[in-house]
C-alpha atoms as a PDB file:
ATOM      1  CA  MET A   1      14.434 -45.806 -20.206  1.00  0.00           C
ATOM      2  CA  ALA A   2      12.373 -44.862 -16.882  1.00  0.00           C
ATOM      3  CA  ALA A   3       9.800 -42.297 -16.834  1.00  0.00           C
ATOM      4  CA  GLU A   4      11.470 -38.768 -15.538  1.00  0.00           C
ATOM      5  CA  GLU A   5      10.003 -37.965 -11.970  1.00  0.00           C
ATOM      6  CA  PRO A   6       7.794 -34.899 -12.006  1.00  0.00           C
ATOM      7  CA  GLN A   7       9.452 -31.907 -10.718  1.00  0.00           C
ATOM      8  CA  GLN A   8       7.766 -29.658  -7.999  1.00  0.00           C
ATOM      9  CA  LYS A   9       7.966 -26.429  -7.898  1.00  0.00           C
ATOM     10  CA  PRO A  10      10.078 -24.701  -5.146  1.00  0.00           C
ATOM     11  CA  GLU A  11       8.736 -23.602  -2.024  1.00  0.00           C
ATOM     12  CA  PRO A  12       7.637 -20.167  -2.229  1.00  0.00           C
ATOM     13  CA  LEU A  13       9.566 -17.299  -0.567  1.00  0.00           C
ATOM     14  CA  GLY A  14       8.842 -16.313   3.177  1.00  0.00           C
ATOM     15  CA  GLY A  15       9.488 -16.787   6.651  1.00  0.00           C
ATOM     16  CA  ASP A  16       7.537 -18.631   9.191  1.00  0.00           C
ATOM     17  CA  ALA A  17       4.248 -19.165   9.943  1.00  0.00           C
ATOM     18  CA  ASP A  18       4.557 -16.061  12.273  1.00  0.00           C
ATOM     19  CA  GLY A  19       5.213 -13.737   9.042  1.00  0.00           C
ATOM     20  CA  ASN A  20       9.096 -13.651  10.189  1.00  0.00           C
ATOM     21  CA  GLY A  21      11.918 -13.204   7.818  1.00  0.00           C
ATOM     22  CA  ALA A  22      13.038 -13.875   4.139  1.00  0.00           C
ATOM     23  CA  ASP A  23      10.776 -10.688   2.989  1.00  0.00           C
ATOM     24  CA  GLY A  24      13.087 -10.371   0.168  1.00  0.00           C
ATOM     25  CA  GLY A  25      14.998  -7.296   1.044  1.00  0.00           C
ATOM     26  CA  GLU A  26      14.733  -4.220  -0.552  1.00  0.00           C
ATOM     27  CA  GLY A  27      16.297  -2.708  -3.858  1.00  0.00           C
ATOM     28  CA  LYS A  28      16.962  -4.231  -7.483  1.00  0.00           C
ATOM     29  CA  MET A  29      18.335  -7.640  -5.640  1.00  0.00           C
ATOM     30  CA  GLY A  30      14.969  -8.020  -3.721  1.00  0.00           C
ATOM     31  CA  GLY A  31      13.255 -11.290  -3.514  1.00  0.00           C
ATOM     32  CA  GLY A  32      10.443 -10.417  -6.113  1.00  0.00           C
ATOM     33  CA  ALA A  33      13.136  -9.619  -8.987  1.00  0.00           C
ATOM     34  CA  ALA A  34      15.750 -12.762  -8.056  1.00  0.00           C
ATOM     35  CA  SER A  35      12.088 -14.827  -7.552  1.00  0.00           C
ATOM     36  CA  GLY A  36      11.272 -13.680 -11.238  1.00  0.00           C
ATOM     37  CA  ARG A  37      14.726 -14.498 -12.673  1.00  0.00           C
ATOM     38  CA  PHE A  38      14.762 -17.564 -11.037  1.00  0.00           C
ATOM     39  CA  MET A  39      11.583 -18.390 -12.456  1.00  0.00           C
ATOM     40  CA  GLU A  40      12.409 -17.516 -15.795  1.00  0.00           C
ATOM     41  CA  LEU A  41      15.528 -19.559 -16.130  1.00  0.00           C
ATOM     42  CA  ILE A  42      14.034 -22.414 -14.978  1.00  0.00           C
ATOM     43  CA  GLU A  43      10.945 -21.888 -17.714  1.00  0.00           C
ATOM     44  CA  GLN A  44      13.866 -21.582 -20.494  1.00  0.00           C
ATOM     45  CA  VAL A  45      15.494 -25.243 -19.103  1.00  0.00           C
ATOM     46  CA  GLU A  46      12.407 -26.686 -19.318  1.00  0.00           C
ATOM     47  CA  ARG A  47      11.603 -25.479 -22.892  1.00  0.00           C
ATOM     48  CA  ARG A  48      14.973 -27.072 -23.623  1.00  0.00           C
ATOM     49  CA  VAL A  49      16.939 -23.891 -24.453  1.00  0.00           C
ATOM     50  CA  PRO A  50      19.888 -24.761 -26.231  1.00  0.00           C
ATOM     51  CA  PRO A  51      22.909 -25.556 -23.612  1.00  0.00           C
ATOM     52  CA  ALA A  52      25.032 -22.559 -24.882  1.00  0.00           C
ATOM     53  CA  GLN A  53      22.246 -20.101 -24.603  1.00  0.00           C
ATOM     54  CA  LEU A  54      21.477 -21.164 -21.271  1.00  0.00           C
ATOM     55  CA  LEU A  55      25.417 -21.446 -20.202  1.00  0.00           C
ATOM     56  CA  ALA A  56      25.518 -17.956 -20.948  1.00  0.00           C
ATOM     57  CA  ALA A  57      22.384 -16.778 -19.192  1.00  0.00           C
ATOM     58  CA  PHE A  58      23.827 -18.837 -15.931  1.00  0.00           C
ATOM     59  CA  ASN A  59      27.562 -16.985 -16.348  1.00  0.00           C
ATOM     60  CA  GLU A  60      26.302 -13.269 -16.415  1.00  0.00           C
ATOM     61  CA  PRO A  61      26.869 -11.585 -13.203  1.00  0.00           C
ATOM     62  CA  SER A  62      23.525  -9.720 -12.513  1.00  0.00           C
ATOM     63  CA  THR A  63      21.752 -13.547 -13.433  1.00  0.00           C
ATOM     64  CA  SER A  64      24.150 -14.852 -11.186  1.00  0.00           C
ATOM     65  CA  ASP A  65      23.705 -12.464  -8.453  1.00  0.00           C
ATOM     66  CA  TYR A  66      20.038 -12.756  -8.957  1.00  0.00           C
ATOM     67  CA  LEU A  67      19.999 -16.696  -8.612  1.00  0.00           C
ATOM     68  CA  VAL A  68      22.435 -16.735  -5.764  1.00  0.00           C
ATOM     69  CA  VAL A  69      19.776 -14.081  -4.180  1.00  0.00           C
ATOM     70  CA  TYR A  70      16.990 -16.077  -4.528  1.00  0.00           C
ATOM     71  CA  LEU A  71      18.429 -19.358  -3.200  1.00  0.00           C
ATOM     72  CA  ARG A  72      19.788 -17.631  -0.487  1.00  0.00           C
ATOM     73  CA  LEU A  73      16.127 -16.230   0.634  1.00  0.00           C
ATOM     74  CA  LEU A  74      14.349 -19.985  -0.605  1.00  0.00           C
ATOM     75  CA  THR A  75      17.010 -21.212   2.029  1.00  0.00           C
ATOM     76  CA  SER A  76      16.726 -18.784   4.865  1.00  0.00           C
ATOM     77  CA  GLY A  77      12.337 -19.005   4.462  1.00  0.00           C
ATOM     78  CA  CYS A  78      12.643 -22.768   4.423  1.00  0.00           C
ATOM     79  CA  LEU A  79      14.723 -22.669   7.562  1.00  0.00           C
ATOM     80  CA  GLN A  80      11.978 -20.469   9.237  1.00  0.00           C
ATOM     81  CA  ARG A  81       9.066 -22.321   8.229  1.00  0.00           C
ATOM     82  CA  HIS A  82      10.616 -25.592   9.441  1.00  0.00           C
ATOM     83  CA  ARG A  83      12.246 -24.053  12.518  1.00  0.00           C
ATOM     84  CA  PRO A  84      10.973 -26.442  15.060  1.00  0.00           C
ATOM     85  CA  PHE A  85      13.700 -28.899  13.027  1.00  0.00           C
ATOM     86  CA  PHE A  86      16.798 -26.852  12.146  1.00  0.00           C
ATOM     87  CA  GLU A  87      17.133 -24.896  15.743  1.00  0.00           C
ATOM     88  CA  GLN A  88      18.110 -27.831  16.981  1.00  0.00           C
ATOM     89  CA  PHE A  89      21.234 -27.458  15.088  1.00  0.00           C
ATOM     90  CA  LEU A  90      21.915 -24.283  15.990  1.00  0.00           C
ATOM     91  CA  GLU A  91      25.249 -23.457  18.332  1.00  0.00           C
ATOM     92  CA  GLY A  92      25.380 -20.212  20.133  1.00  0.00           C
ATOM     93  CA  GLY A  93      22.033 -19.359  21.465  1.00  0.00           C
ATOM     94  CA  ARG A  94      20.691 -17.349  18.345  1.00  0.00           C
ATOM     95  CA  SER A  95      17.045 -18.109  17.134  1.00  0.00           C
ATOM     96  CA  ILE A  96      16.499 -19.646  13.627  1.00  0.00           C
ATOM     97  CA  LYS A  97      15.547 -16.007  12.237  1.00  0.00           C
ATOM     98  CA  GLU A  98      18.645 -14.094  14.003  1.00  0.00           C
ATOM     99  CA  PHE A  99      21.037 -17.173  11.822  1.00  0.00           C
ATOM    100  CA  CYS A 100      18.924 -16.487   8.807  1.00  0.00           C
ATOM    101  CA  GLN A 101      19.754 -12.834   9.098  1.00  0.00           C
ATOM    102  CA  GLN A 102      23.428 -13.441   9.382  1.00  0.00           C
ATOM    103  CA  GLU A 103      24.428 -16.508   7.933  1.00  0.00           C
ATOM    104  CA  VAL A 104      22.133 -17.117   5.117  1.00  0.00           C
ATOM    105  CA  GLU A 105      20.614 -14.001   3.730  1.00  0.00           C
ATOM    106  CA  PRO A 106      23.690 -11.884   3.288  1.00  0.00           C
ATOM    107  CA  MET A 107      25.928 -12.586  -0.309  1.00  0.00           C
ATOM    108  CA  CYS A 108      29.452 -13.776   0.392  1.00  0.00           C
ATOM    109  CA  LYS A 109      28.904 -16.170   3.346  1.00  0.00           C
ATOM    110  CA  GLU A 110      30.046 -19.585   2.692  1.00  0.00           C
ATOM    111  CA  SER A 111      27.138 -22.082   3.073  1.00  0.00           C
ATOM    112  CA  ASP A 112      26.711 -25.288   5.502  1.00  0.00           C
ATOM    113  CA  HIS A 113      25.326 -28.749   6.129  1.00  0.00           C
ATOM    114  CA  ILE A 114      22.449 -26.738   7.390  1.00  0.00           C
ATOM    115  CA  HIS A 115      21.976 -24.455   4.330  1.00  0.00           C
ATOM    116  CA  VAL A 116      22.277 -27.607   2.445  1.00  0.00           C
ATOM    117  CA  ILE A 117      19.790 -29.761   3.987  1.00  0.00           C
ATOM    118  CA  ALA A 118      17.165 -26.486   3.872  1.00  0.00           C
ATOM    119  CA  LEU A 119      17.986 -25.892  -0.095  1.00  0.00           C
ATOM    120  CA  ALA A 120      17.253 -29.359  -1.130  1.00  0.00           C
ATOM    121  CA  ARG A 121      13.930 -29.667   1.281  1.00  0.00           C
ATOM    122  CA  ALA A 122      12.928 -26.183  -0.422  1.00  0.00           C
ATOM    123  CA  LEU A 123      13.712 -27.116  -3.926  1.00  0.00           C
ATOM    124  CA  HIS A 124      12.421 -30.834  -3.903  1.00  0.00           C
ATOM    125  CA  VAL A 125      15.405 -32.151  -4.585  1.00  0.00           C
ATOM    126  CA  PRO A 126      17.428 -34.956  -3.285  1.00  0.00           C
ATOM    127  CA  VAL A 127      21.195 -34.269  -2.526  1.00  0.00           C
ATOM    128  CA  LEU A 128      23.992 -36.356  -1.978  1.00  0.00           C
ATOM    129  CA  VAL A 129      27.026 -34.906  -0.300  1.00  0.00           C
ATOM    130  CA  GLU A 130      29.847 -37.130   0.024  1.00  0.00           C
ATOM    131  CA  TYR A 131      31.965 -35.745   2.717  1.00  0.00           C
ATOM    132  CA  MET A 132      35.340 -36.516   2.145  1.00  0.00           C
ATOM    133  CA  ASP A 133      37.976 -37.594   5.182  1.00  0.00           C
ATOM    134  CA  ARG A 134      40.622 -35.903   6.307  1.00  0.00           C
ATOM    135  CA  GLY A 135      42.455 -38.835   6.687  1.00  0.00           C
ATOM    136  CA  GLU A 136      44.286 -41.166   4.960  1.00  0.00           C
ATOM    137  CA  GLY A 137      43.336 -42.386   1.794  1.00  0.00           C
ATOM    138  CA  GLY A 138      40.821 -39.681   1.193  1.00  0.00           C
ATOM    139  CA  ALA A 139      37.686 -41.736   1.888  1.00  0.00           C
ATOM    140  CA  THR A 140      34.376 -40.227   1.550  1.00  0.00           C
ATOM    141  CA  HIS A 141      31.057 -40.733   3.555  1.00  0.00           C
ATOM    142  CA  PRO A 142      28.086 -40.217   1.840  1.00  0.00           C
ATOM    143  CA  HIS A 143      25.090 -38.796   3.467  1.00  0.00           C
ATOM    144  CA  VAL A 144      21.174 -38.579   0.822  1.00  0.00           C
ATOM    145  CA  PHE A 145      18.649 -35.199   1.691  1.00  0.00           C
ATOM    146  CA  PRO A 146      16.168 -36.615   2.183  1.00  0.00           C
ATOM    147  CA  GLU A 147      16.945 -39.799   4.064  1.00  0.00           C
ATOM    148  CA  GLY A 148      16.269 -42.822   1.124  1.00  0.00           C
ATOM    149  CA  ALA A 149      15.466 -40.147  -1.614  1.00  0.00           C
ATOM    150  CA  ARG A 150      17.385 -41.155  -5.131  1.00  0.00           C
ATOM    151  CA  PRO A 151      19.670 -38.358  -5.320  1.00  0.00           C
ATOM    152  CA  ARG A 152      19.492 -35.821  -8.233  1.00  0.00           C
ATOM    153  CA  VAL A 153      22.083 -33.197  -7.318  1.00  0.00           C
ATOM    154  CA  HIS A 154      26.041 -34.858  -6.522  1.00  0.00           C
ATOM    155  CA  LEU A 155      28.214 -32.962  -4.011  1.00  0.00           C
ATOM    156  CA  LEU A 156      31.785 -33.598  -2.678  1.00  0.00           C
ATOM    157  CA  TYR A 157      32.318 -31.930   0.475  1.00  0.00           C
ATOM    158  CA  ARG A 158      36.329 -30.547   1.927  1.00  0.00           C
ATOM    159  CA  PRO A 159      36.252 -29.360   4.643  1.00  0.00           C
ATOM    160  CA  GLY A 160      35.009 -25.847   4.347  1.00  0.00           C
ATOM    161  CA  HIS A 161      34.150 -26.598   0.533  1.00  0.00           C
ATOM    162  CA  TYR A 162      30.983 -27.953  -1.391  1.00  0.00           C
ATOM    163  CA  ASP A 163      31.924 -28.666  -5.300  1.00  0.00           C
ATOM    164  CA  ILE A 164      29.335 -29.735  -7.815  1.00  0.00           C
ATOM    165  CA  LEU A 165      30.129 -33.996  -9.003  1.00  0.00           C
ATOM    166  CA  TYR A 166      29.169 -34.426 -12.475  1.00  0.00           C
ATOM    167  CA  LYS A 167      28.169 -38.131 -13.723  1.00  0.00           C
END
């Protein structure tokens, strides 16, 4: 059996080098509380807590909301820290900060290709996305982020929706 690759910790929350963005918001769902809850769950995974206990924790609405907030802020921070790279993919003349405030940080917003790339980069987790073709036969087109990496997460993208693929 091959040795597992060492895992890097996620990038810290935060905006770009100029101190803009991803400050964690305000109130009980702020970045600090969400970050703390996220790291608690990661530590439980590392301690190999029984799967049923992890499943219960991840399915608790308040916990899952904290996780979504944290992952959104982590994505926003990555986009803003790497602004020169990601800004070239934005349409409509918005700045990366505006994009993050309008499309990344708010709850109940759909995620897109740019979000997946930024989150994979922030978490240091290579991702394979199988893009489903609308044509006959349901062909898929695989893309790995970052390119050339061995993916640890597999997603299926059907127009307008991502699904996790289990192996």
